[in-house]
Amino acid sequence: MKKTITIILASAAMSFAATFTGTVTDSMCGNDHKSMNMGADEKCVTECVKMGSKYALYDGKNTYTLSDQKAAAKFAAKKVTIQGTLNGSTIQVTSIAAAK
């Protein structure tokens, strides 16, 4: 019984919206764009996405794929604040804005 309650509470906690802050990057490069030899990070992120990578958020420790690829495109290589829920390694984006 105790185990069931713990599982229910953990599932409920994961469904609540949270705030994530970090830099919009791509799922291939993460936080290191030097190996691509493309110059500025913004250019690397954009080009990697054109080649099939996904927009992602790097929070200083982890890289999370973003569910809203269209909204993320405007913030390539920029620091942002995202409202959403974490589902595995993907953030289900509710809103995204430039970080203050």
PDB file of N, CA and C in Angstrom:
ATOM      1  N   MET A   1       0.828  -1.197   0.000  1.00  0.00           N
ATOM      2  CA  MET A   1       0.000   0.000   0.000  1.00  0.00           C
ATOM      3  C   MET A   1       0.870   1.259   0.000  1.00  0.00           C
ATOM      4  N   LYS A   2       1.889   1.248   0.859  1.00  0.00           N
ATOM      5  CA  LYS A   2       2.787   2.393   0.952  1.00  0.00           C
ATOM      6  C   LYS A   2       3.491   2.650  -0.383  1.00  0.00           C
ATOM      7  N   LYS A   3       3.877   1.562  -1.057  1.00  0.00           N
ATOM      8  CA  LYS A   3       4.558   1.666  -2.343  1.00  0.00           C
ATOM      9  C   LYS A   3       3.628   2.278  -3.400  1.00  0.00           C
ATOM     10  N   THR A   4       2.368   1.889  -3.388  1.00  0.00           N
ATOM     11  CA  THR A   4       1.390   2.414  -4.335  1.00  0.00           C
ATOM     12  C   THR A   4       1.196   3.910  -4.141  1.00  0.00           C
ATOM     13  N   ILE A   5       1.088   4.347  -2.912  1.00  0.00           N
ATOM     14  CA  ILE A   5       0.918   5.774  -2.608  1.00  0.00           C
ATOM     15  C   ILE A   5       2.133   6.561  -3.077  1.00  0.00           C
ATOM     16  N   THR A   6       3.313   6.027  -2.859  1.00  0.00           N
ATOM     17  CA  THR A   6       4.544   6.694  -3.292  1.00  0.00           C
ATOM     18  C   THR A   6       4.566   6.850  -4.806  1.00  0.00           C
ATOM     19  N   ILE A   7       4.182   5.817  -5.525  1.00  0.00           N
ATOM     20  CA  ILE A   7       4.161   5.872  -6.985  1.00  0.00           C
ATOM     21  C   ILE A   7       3.148   6.899  -7.469  1.00  0.00           C
ATOM     22  N   ILE A   8       1.984   6.940  -6.862  1.00  0.00           N
ATOM     23  CA  ILE A   8       0.944   7.905  -7.241  1.00  0.00           C
ATOM     24  C   ILE A   8       1.424   9.327  -7.001  1.00  0.00           C
ATOM     25  N   LEU A   9       2.030   9.576  -5.848  1.00  0.00           N
ATOM     26  CA  LEU A   9       2.535  10.921  -5.538  1.00  0.00           C
ATOM     27  C   LEU A   9       3.659  11.330  -6.483  1.00  0.00           C
ATOM     28  N   ALA A  10       4.539  10.408  -6.824  1.00  0.00           N
ATOM     29  CA  ALA A  10       5.630  10.724  -7.737  1.00  0.00           C
ATOM     30  C   ALA A  10       5.087  11.051  -9.128  1.00  0.00           C
ATOM     31  N   SER A  11       4.094  10.303  -9.576  1.00  0.00           N
ATOM     32  CA  SER A  11       3.489  10.566 -10.883  1.00  0.00           C
ATOM     33  C   SER A  11       2.798  11.918 -10.905  1.00  0.00           C
ATOM     34  N   ALA A  12       2.104  12.240  -9.831  1.00  0.00           N
ATOM     35  CA  ALA A  12       1.407  13.528  -9.750  1.00  0.00           C
ATOM     36  C   ALA A  12       2.401  14.682  -9.741  1.00  0.00           C
ATOM     37  N   ALA A  13       3.497  14.535  -9.046  1.00  0.00           N
ATOM     38  CA  ALA A  13       4.505  15.594  -8.976  1.00  0.00           C
ATOM     39  C   ALA A  13       5.114  15.867 -10.343  1.00  0.00           C
ATOM     40  N   MET A  14       5.267  14.838 -11.161  1.00  0.00           N
ATOM     41  CA  MET A  14       5.871  15.015 -12.481  1.00  0.00           C
ATOM     42  C   MET A  14       4.931  15.713 -13.453  1.00  0.00           C
ATOM     43  N   SER A  15       3.648  15.763 -13.148  1.00  0.00           N
ATOM     44  CA  SER A  15       2.702  16.365 -14.076  1.00  0.00           C
ATOM     45  C   SER A  15       2.511  17.858 -13.843  1.00  0.00           C
ATOM     46  N   PHE A  16       3.099  18.408 -12.791  1.00  0.00           N
ATOM     47  CA  PHE A  16       2.981  19.837 -12.513  1.00  0.00           C
ATOM     48  C   PHE A  16       3.969  20.630 -13.353  1.00  0.00           C
ATOM     49  N   ALA A  17       3.537  21.794 -13.765  1.00  0.00           N
ATOM     50  CA  ALA A  17       4.401  22.667 -14.563  1.00  0.00           C
ATOM     51  C   ALA A  17       5.568  23.162 -13.723  1.00  0.00           C
ATOM     52  N   ALA A  18       6.678  23.383 -14.381  1.00  0.00           N
ATOM     53  CA  ALA A  18       7.877  23.876 -13.720  1.00  0.00           C
ATOM     54  C   ALA A  18       8.504  24.945 -14.601  1.00  0.00           C
ATOM     55  N   THR A  19       9.460  25.658 -14.031  1.00  0.00           N
ATOM     56  CA  THR A  19      10.207  26.673 -14.761  1.00  0.00           C
ATOM     57  C   THR A  19      11.618  26.147 -15.005  1.00  0.00           C
ATOM     58  N   PHE A  20      12.062  26.243 -16.240  1.00  0.00           N
ATOM     59  CA  PHE A  20      13.402  25.815 -16.625  1.00  0.00           C
ATOM     60  C   PHE A  20      14.123  27.007 -17.227  1.00  0.00           C
ATOM     61  N   THR A  21      15.373  27.214 -16.839  1.00  0.00           N
ATOM     62  CA  THR A  21      16.167  28.306 -17.381  1.00  0.00           C
ATOM     63  C   THR A  21      17.458  27.728 -17.943  1.00  0.00           C
ATOM     64  N   GLY A  22      17.822  28.201 -19.118  1.00  0.00           N
ATOM     65  CA  GLY A  22      19.045  27.725 -19.742  1.00  0.00           C
ATOM     66  C   GLY A  22      19.203  28.331 -21.116  1.00  0.00           C
ATOM     67  N   THR A  23      20.042  27.708 -21.917  1.00  0.00           N
ATOM     68  CA  THR A  23      20.334  28.193 -23.264  1.00  0.00           C
ATOM     69  C   THR A  23      19.752  27.245 -24.293  1.00  0.00           C
ATOM     70  N   VAL A  24      19.096  27.819 -25.301  1.00  0.00           N
ATOM     71  CA  VAL A  24      18.571  26.989 -26.388  1.00  0.00           C
ATOM     72  C   VAL A  24      19.750  26.544 -27.251  1.00  0.00           C
ATOM     73  N   THR A  25      19.866  25.251 -27.393  1.00  0.00           N
ATOM     74  CA  THR A  25      20.942  24.637 -28.159  1.00  0.00           C
ATOM     75  C   THR A  25      20.315  23.588 -29.076  1.00  0.00           C
ATOM     76  N   ASP A  26      21.108  22.635 -29.520  1.00  0.00           N
ATOM     77  CA  ASP A  26      20.542  21.534 -30.299  1.00  0.00           C
ATOM     78  C   ASP A  26      20.928  20.217 -29.637  1.00  0.00           C
ATOM     79  N   SER A  27      20.163  19.185 -29.930  1.00  0.00           N
ATOM     80  CA  SER A  27      20.353  17.902 -29.250  1.00  0.00           C
ATOM     81  C   SER A  27      21.655  17.199 -29.641  1.00  0.00           C
ATOM     82  N   MET A  28      22.259  17.576 -30.755  1.00  0.00           N
ATOM     83  CA  MET A  28      23.499  16.938 -31.167  1.00  0.00           C
ATOM     84  C   MET A  28      24.704  17.551 -30.439  1.00  0.00           C
ATOM     85  N   CYS A  29      24.806  18.867 -30.422  1.00  0.00           N
ATOM     86  CA  CYS A  29      25.971  19.524 -29.825  1.00  0.00           C
ATOM     87  C   CYS A  29      25.832  19.736 -28.310  1.00  0.00           C
ATOM     88  N   GLY A  30      24.611  19.906 -27.820  1.00  0.00           N
ATOM     89  CA  GLY A  30      24.443  20.191 -26.400  1.00  0.00           C
ATOM     90  C   GLY A  30      25.076  21.515 -26.055  1.00  0.00           C
ATOM     91  N   ASN A  31      26.053  21.497 -25.149  1.00  0.00           N
ATOM     92  CA  ASN A  31      26.675  22.757 -24.737  1.00  0.00           C
ATOM     93  C   ASN A  31      28.020  23.022 -25.401  1.00  0.00           C
ATOM     94  N   ASP A  32      28.480  22.149 -26.291  1.00  0.00           N
ATOM     95  CA  ASP A  32      29.795  22.319 -26.906  1.00  0.00           C
ATOM     96  C   ASP A  32      29.683  22.338 -28.431  1.00  0.00           C
ATOM     97  N   HIS A  33      29.829  23.531 -29.003  1.00  0.00           N
ATOM     98  CA  HIS A  33      29.684  23.693 -30.447  1.00  0.00           C
ATOM     99  C   HIS A  33      31.028  23.802 -31.164  1.00  0.00           C
ATOM    100  N   LYS A  34      32.119  23.663 -30.453  1.00  0.00           N
ATOM    101  CA  LYS A  34      33.449  23.868 -31.035  1.00  0.00           C
ATOM    102  C   LYS A  34      33.795  22.828 -32.101  1.00  0.00           C
ATOM    103  N   SER A  35      33.346  21.605 -31.924  1.00  0.00           N
ATOM    104  CA  SER A  35      33.729  20.546 -32.862  1.00  0.00           C
ATOM    105  C   SER A  35      33.134  20.725 -34.256  1.00  0.00           C
ATOM    106  N   MET A  36      32.103  21.540 -34.378  1.00  0.00           N
ATOM    107  CA  MET A  36      31.459  21.740 -35.678  1.00  0.00           C
ATOM    108  C   MET A  36      32.186  22.776 -36.536  1.00  0.00           C
ATOM    109  N   ASN A  37      33.078  23.577 -35.942  1.00  0.00           N
ATOM    110  CA  ASN A  37      33.835  24.596 -36.668  1.00  0.00           C
ATOM    111  C   ASN A  37      32.943  25.493 -37.520  1.00  0.00           C
ATOM    112  N   MET A  38      31.851  25.943 -36.956  1.00  0.00           N
ATOM    113  CA  MET A  38      30.910  26.787 -37.699  1.00  0.00           C
ATOM    114  C   MET A  38      30.901  28.223 -37.213  1.00  0.00           C
ATOM    115  N   GLY A  39      31.699  28.554 -36.260  1.00  0.00           N
ATOM    116  CA  GLY A  39      31.697  29.918 -35.749  1.00  0.00           C
ATOM    117  C   GLY A  39      30.750  30.070 -34.576  1.00  0.00           C
ATOM    118  N   ALA A  40      29.914  31.073 -34.639  1.00  0.00           N
ATOM    119  CA  ALA A  40      29.019  31.404 -33.522  1.00  0.00           C
ATOM    120  C   ALA A  40      28.069  30.256 -33.209  1.00  0.00           C
ATOM    121  N   ASP A  41      27.738  30.117 -31.941  1.00  0.00           N
ATOM    122  CA  ASP A  41      26.827  29.068 -31.505  1.00  0.00           C
ATOM    123  C   ASP A  41      25.474  29.143 -32.206  1.00  0.00           C
ATOM    124  N   GLU A  42      24.961  30.353 -32.430  1.00  0.00           N
ATOM    125  CA  GLU A  42      23.659  30.500 -33.069  1.00  0.00           C
ATOM    126  C   GLU A  42      23.653  29.844 -34.447  1.00  0.00           C
ATOM    127  N   LYS A  43      24.709  30.065 -35.202  1.00  0.00           N
ATOM    128  CA  LYS A  43      24.814  29.472 -36.533  1.00  0.00           C
ATOM    129  C   LYS A  43      24.881  27.950 -36.431  1.00  0.00           C
ATOM    130  N   CYS A  44      25.660  27.447 -35.479  1.00  0.00           N
ATOM    131  CA  CYS A  44      25.804  26.004 -35.292  1.00  0.00           C
ATOM    132  C   CYS A  44      24.461  25.370 -34.937  1.00  0.00           C
ATOM    133  N   VAL A  45      23.761  25.966 -33.989  1.00  0.00           N
ATOM    134  CA  VAL A  45      22.462  25.436 -33.568  1.00  0.00           C
ATOM    135  C   VAL A  45      21.511  25.373 -34.758  1.00  0.00           C
ATOM    136  N   THR A  46      21.411  26.461 -35.487  1.00  0.00           N
ATOM    137  CA  THR A  46      20.504  26.528 -36.634  1.00  0.00           C
ATOM    138  C   THR A  46      20.862  25.500 -37.696  1.00  0.00           C
ATOM    139  N   GLU A  47      22.151  25.393 -38.025  1.00  0.00           N
ATOM    140  CA  GLU A  47      22.590  24.438 -39.054  1.00  0.00           C
ATOM    141  C   GLU A  47      22.386  22.996 -38.604  1.00  0.00           C
ATOM    142  N   CYS A  48      22.665  22.711 -37.342  1.00  0.00           N
ATOM    143  CA  CYS A  48      22.478  21.341 -36.841  1.00  0.00           C
ATOM    144  C   CYS A  48      21.006  20.932 -36.887  1.00  0.00           C
ATOM    145  N   VAL A  49      20.111  21.875 -36.584  1.00  0.00           N
ATOM    146  CA  VAL A  49      18.679  21.582 -36.657  1.00  0.00           C
ATOM    147  C   VAL A  49      18.263  21.337 -38.105  1.00  0.00           C
ATOM    148  N   LYS A  50      18.830  22.100 -39.026  1.00  0.00           N
ATOM    149  CA  LYS A  50      18.524  21.879 -40.450  1.00  0.00           C
ATOM    150  C   LYS A  50      18.955  20.478 -40.898  1.00  0.00           C
ATOM    151  N   MET A  51      20.001  19.941 -40.241  1.00  0.00           N
ATOM    152  CA  MET A  51      20.509  18.614 -40.598  1.00  0.00           C
ATOM    153  C   MET A  51      19.804  17.492 -39.830  1.00  0.00           C
ATOM    154  N   GLY A  52      18.791  17.829 -39.028  1.00  0.00           N
ATOM    155  CA  GLY A  52      18.017  16.785 -38.366  1.00  0.00           C
ATOM    156  C   GLY A  52      18.072  16.769 -36.857  1.00  0.00           C
ATOM    157  N   SER A  53      18.923  17.572 -36.256  1.00  0.00           N
ATOM    158  CA  SER A  53      18.975  17.667 -34.806  1.00  0.00           C
ATOM    159  C   SER A  53      17.713  18.381 -34.310  1.00  0.00           C
ATOM    160  N   LYS A  54      17.437  18.331 -33.030  1.00  0.00           N
ATOM    161  CA  LYS A  54      16.263  18.990 -32.440  1.00  0.00           C
ATOM    162  C   LYS A  54      16.712  20.137 -31.536  1.00  0.00           C
ATOM    163  N   TYR A  55      15.888  21.191 -31.453  1.00  0.00           N
ATOM    164  CA  TYR A  55      16.174  22.250 -30.490  1.00  0.00           C
ATOM    165  C   TYR A  55      16.058  21.660 -29.096  1.00  0.00           C
ATOM    166  N   ALA A  56      16.947  22.111 -28.217  1.00  0.00           N
ATOM    167  CA  ALA A  56      17.008  21.587 -26.866  1.00  0.00           C
ATOM    168  C   ALA A  56      17.356  22.711 -25.900  1.00  0.00           C
ATOM    169  N   LEU A  57      17.225  22.441 -24.620  1.00  0.00           N
ATOM    170  CA  LEU A  57      17.602  23.401 -23.578  1.00  0.00           C
ATOM    171  C   LEU A  57      18.754  22.818 -22.787  1.00  0.00           C
ATOM    172  N   TYR A  58      19.832  23.586 -22.661  1.00  0.00           N
ATOM    173  CA  TYR A  58      20.952  23.190 -21.809  1.00  0.00           C
ATOM    174  C   TYR A  58      20.887  24.050 -20.559  1.00  0.00           C
ATOM    175  N   ASP A  59      20.722  23.416 -19.388  1.00  0.00           N
ATOM    176  CA  ASP A  59      20.535  24.156 -18.137  1.00  0.00           C
ATOM    177  C   ASP A  59      21.802  24.288 -17.303  1.00  0.00           C
ATOM    178  N   GLY A  60      22.930  23.929 -17.863  1.00  0.00           N
ATOM    179  CA  GLY A  60      24.194  23.990 -17.128  1.00  0.00           C
ATOM    180  C   GLY A  60      24.665  22.609 -16.712  1.00  0.00           C
ATOM    181  N   LYS A  61      23.750  21.639 -16.692  1.00  0.00           N
ATOM    182  CA  LYS A  61      24.080  20.253 -16.346  1.00  0.00           C
ATOM    183  C   LYS A  61      23.552  19.268 -17.383  1.00  0.00           C
ATOM    184  N   ASN A  62      22.307  19.473 -17.780  1.00  0.00           N
ATOM    185  CA  ASN A  62      21.621  18.522 -18.657  1.00  0.00           C
ATOM    186  C   ASN A  62      21.092  19.205 -19.907  1.00  0.00           C
ATOM    187  N   THR A  63      20.888  18.389 -20.942  1.00  0.00           N
ATOM    188  CA  THR A  63      20.285  18.866 -22.183  1.00  0.00           C
ATOM    189  C   THR A  63      18.937  18.177 -22.341  1.00  0.00           C
ATOM    190  N   TYR A  64      17.884  18.978 -22.505  1.00  0.00           N
ATOM    191  CA  TYR A  64      16.523  18.464 -22.654  1.00  0.00           C
ATOM    192  C   TYR A  64      15.973  18.856 -24.019  1.00  0.00           C
ATOM    193  N   THR A  65      15.423  17.910 -24.747  1.00  0.00           N
ATOM    194  CA  THR A  65      14.772  18.199 -26.018  1.00  0.00           C
ATOM    195  C   THR A  65      13.509  19.010 -25.742  1.00  0.00           C
ATOM    196  N   LEU A  66      13.202  19.950 -26.626  1.00  0.00           N
ATOM    197  CA  LEU A  66      12.019  20.797 -26.460  1.00  0.00           C
ATOM    198  C   LEU A  66      10.900  20.332 -27.379  1.00  0.00           C
ATOM    199  N   SER A  67       9.687  20.264 -26.846  1.00  0.00           N
ATOM    200  CA  SER A  67       8.549  19.800 -27.645  1.00  0.00           C
ATOM    201  C   SER A  67       8.133  20.822 -28.696  1.00  0.00           C
ATOM    202  N   ASP A  68       8.294  22.101 -28.414  1.00  0.00           N
ATOM    203  CA  ASP A  68       7.878  23.154 -29.355  1.00  0.00           C
ATOM    204  C   ASP A  68       9.095  23.639 -30.138  1.00  0.00           C
ATOM    205  N   GLN A  69       9.364  22.995 -31.248  1.00  0.00           N
ATOM    206  CA  GLN A  69      10.526  23.321 -32.061  1.00  0.00           C
ATOM    207  C   GLN A  69      10.386  24.682 -32.744  1.00  0.00           C
ATOM    208  N   LYS A  70       9.182  25.052 -33.145  1.00  0.00           N
ATOM    209  CA  LYS A  70       8.962  26.321 -33.838  1.00  0.00           C
ATOM    210  C   LYS A  70       9.249  27.509 -32.921  1.00  0.00           C
ATOM    211  N   ALA A  71       8.742  27.472 -31.701  1.00  0.00           N
ATOM    212  CA  ALA A  71       8.977  28.575 -30.759  1.00  0.00           C
ATOM    213  C   ALA A  71      10.448  28.656 -30.369  1.00  0.00           C
ATOM    214  N   ALA A  72      11.094  27.524 -30.227  1.00  0.00           N
ATOM    215  CA  ALA A  72      12.502  27.494 -29.825  1.00  0.00           C
ATOM    216  C   ALA A  72      13.417  28.090 -30.891  1.00  0.00           C
ATOM    217  N   ALA A  73      13.023  28.003 -32.150  1.00  0.00           N
ATOM    218  CA  ALA A  73      13.856  28.484 -33.256  1.00  0.00           C
ATOM    219  C   ALA A  73      14.211  29.962 -33.106  1.00  0.00           C
ATOM    220  N   LYS A  74      13.317  30.758 -32.557  1.00  0.00           N
ATOM    221  CA  LYS A  74      13.556  32.199 -32.394  1.00  0.00           C
ATOM    222  C   LYS A  74      14.624  32.498 -31.346  1.00  0.00           C
ATOM    223  N   PHE A  75      14.962  31.496 -30.530  1.00  0.00           N
ATOM    224  CA  PHE A  75      15.872  31.717 -29.406  1.00  0.00           C
ATOM    225  C   PHE A  75      17.169  30.921 -29.517  1.00  0.00           C
ATOM    226  N   ALA A  76      17.560  30.524 -30.710  1.00  0.00           N
ATOM    227  CA  ALA A  76      18.778  29.732 -30.892  1.00  0.00           C
ATOM    228  C   ALA A  76      19.973  30.412 -30.229  1.00  0.00           C
ATOM    229  N   ALA A  77      20.650  29.676 -29.349  1.00  0.00           N
ATOM    230  CA  ALA A  77      21.845  30.121 -28.621  1.00  0.00           C
ATOM    231  C   ALA A  77      21.579  31.258 -27.635  1.00  0.00           C
ATOM    232  N   LYS A  78      20.337  31.480 -27.278  1.00  0.00           N
ATOM    233  CA  LYS A  78      19.984  32.548 -26.335  1.00  0.00           C
ATOM    234  C   LYS A  78      19.519  31.937 -25.013  1.00  0.00           C
ATOM    235  N   LYS A  79      19.705  32.703 -23.930  1.00  0.00           N
ATOM    236  CA  LYS A  79      19.241  32.262 -22.620  1.00  0.00           C
ATOM    237  C   LYS A  79      17.739  32.513 -22.521  1.00  0.00           C
ATOM    238  N   VAL A  80      17.008  31.483 -22.077  1.00  0.00           N
ATOM    239  CA  VAL A  80      15.552  31.559 -22.015  1.00  0.00           C
ATOM    240  C   VAL A  80      15.016  31.022 -20.695  1.00  0.00           C
ATOM    241  N   THR A  81      13.756  31.345 -20.448  1.00  0.00           N
ATOM    242  CA  THR A  81      12.996  30.758 -19.359  1.00  0.00           C
ATOM    243  C   THR A  81      11.822  30.035 -20.004  1.00  0.00           C
ATOM    244  N   ILE A  82      11.663  28.779 -19.648  1.00  0.00           N
ATOM    245  CA  ILE A  82      10.604  27.948 -20.224  1.00  0.00           C
ATOM    246  C   ILE A  82       9.673  27.479 -19.124  1.00  0.00           C
ATOM    247  N   GLN A  83       8.389  27.583 -19.385  1.00  0.00           N
ATOM    248  CA  GLN A  83       7.374  26.995 -18.524  1.00  0.00           C
ATOM    249  C   GLN A  83       6.949  25.700 -19.201  1.00  0.00           C
ATOM    250  N   GLY A  84       6.855  24.626 -18.438  1.00  0.00           N
ATOM    251  CA  GLY A  84       6.437  23.365 -19.015  1.00  0.00           C
ATOM    252  C   GLY A  84       6.587  22.225 -18.042  1.00  0.00           C
ATOM    253  N   THR A  85       6.415  21.026 -18.549  1.00  0.00           N
ATOM    254  CA  THR A  85       6.557  19.831 -17.723  1.00  0.00           C
ATOM    255  C   THR A  85       7.629  18.934 -18.325  1.00  0.00           C
ATOM    256  N   LEU A  86       8.371  18.281 -17.450  1.00  0.00           N
ATOM    257  CA  LEU A  86       9.426  17.379 -17.878  1.00  0.00           C
ATOM    258  C   LEU A  86       8.849  15.984 -18.036  1.00  0.00           C
ATOM    259  N   ASN A  87       9.039  15.425 -19.214  1.00  0.00           N
ATOM    260  CA  ASN A  87       8.566  14.075 -19.505  1.00  0.00           C
ATOM    261  C   ASN A  87       9.763  13.292 -20.024  1.00  0.00           C
ATOM    262  N   GLY A  88      10.429  12.571 -19.160  1.00  0.00           N
ATOM    263  CA  GLY A  88      11.672  11.888 -19.522  1.00  0.00           C
ATOM    264  C   GLY A  88      12.755  12.911 -19.760  1.00  0.00           C
ATOM    265  N   SER A  89      13.274  12.974 -20.979  1.00  0.00           N
ATOM    266  CA  SER A  89      14.308  13.964 -21.302  1.00  0.00           C
ATOM    267  C   SER A  89      13.758  15.054 -22.226  1.00  0.00           C
ATOM    268  N   THR A  90      12.425  15.159 -22.287  1.00  0.00           N
ATOM    269  CA  THR A  90      11.781  16.170 -23.117  1.00  0.00           C
ATOM    270  C   THR A  90      10.961  17.118 -22.255  1.00  0.00           C
ATOM    271  N   ILE A  91      11.119  18.414 -22.508  1.00  0.00           N
ATOM    272  CA  ILE A  91      10.288  19.411 -21.836  1.00  0.00           C
ATOM    273  C   ILE A  91       9.089  19.684 -22.742  1.00  0.00           C
ATOM    274  N   GLN A  92       7.894  19.439 -22.215  1.00  0.00           N
ATOM    275  CA  GLN A  92       6.658  19.777 -22.923  1.00  0.00           C
ATOM    276  C   GLN A  92       6.435  21.263 -22.686  1.00  0.00           C
ATOM    277  N   VAL A  93       6.764  22.074 -23.673  1.00  0.00           N
ATOM    278  CA  VAL A  93       6.795  23.527 -23.534  1.00  0.00           C
ATOM    279  C   VAL A  93       5.388  24.122 -23.504  1.00  0.00           C
ATOM    280  N   THR A  94       5.139  24.930 -22.464  1.00  0.00           N
ATOM    281  CA  THR A  94       3.905  25.708 -22.378  1.00  0.00           C
ATOM    282  C   THR A  94       4.182  27.112 -22.883  1.00  0.00           C
ATOM    283  N   SER A  95       5.334  27.683 -22.468  1.00  0.00           N
ATOM    284  CA  SER A  95       5.738  29.002 -22.952  1.00  0.00           C
ATOM    285  C   SER A  95       7.255  29.108 -22.901  1.00  0.00           C
ATOM    286  N   ILE A  96       7.782  29.978 -23.744  1.00  0.00           N
ATOM    287  CA  ILE A  96       9.223  30.218 -23.798  1.00  0.00           C
ATOM    288  C   ILE A  96       9.427  31.717 -24.005  1.00  0.00           C
ATOM    289  N   ALA A  97      10.363  32.295 -23.227  1.00  0.00           N
ATOM    290  CA  ALA A  97      10.640  33.725 -23.322  1.00  0.00           C
ATOM    291  C   ALA A  97      12.116  33.975 -23.011  1.00  0.00           C
ATOM    292  N   ALA A  98      12.625  35.081 -23.490  1.00  0.00           N
ATOM    293  CA  ALA A  98      14.005  35.467 -23.184  1.00  0.00           C
ATOM    294  C   ALA A  98      14.159  35.605 -21.677  1.00  0.00           C
ATOM    295  N   ALA A  99      15.246  35.100 -21.137  1.00  0.00           N
ATOM    296  CA  ALA A  99      15.504  35.190 -19.697  1.00  0.00           C
ATOM    297  C   ALA A  99      15.859  36.622 -19.344  1.00  0.00           C
ATOM    298  N   LYS A 100      15.445  37.034 -18.179  1.00  0.00           N
ATOM    299  CA  LYS A 100      15.730  38.410 -17.715  1.00  0.00           C
ATOM    300  C   LYS A 100      16.998  38.445 -16.904  1.00  0.00           C
TER     301      LYS A 100
END
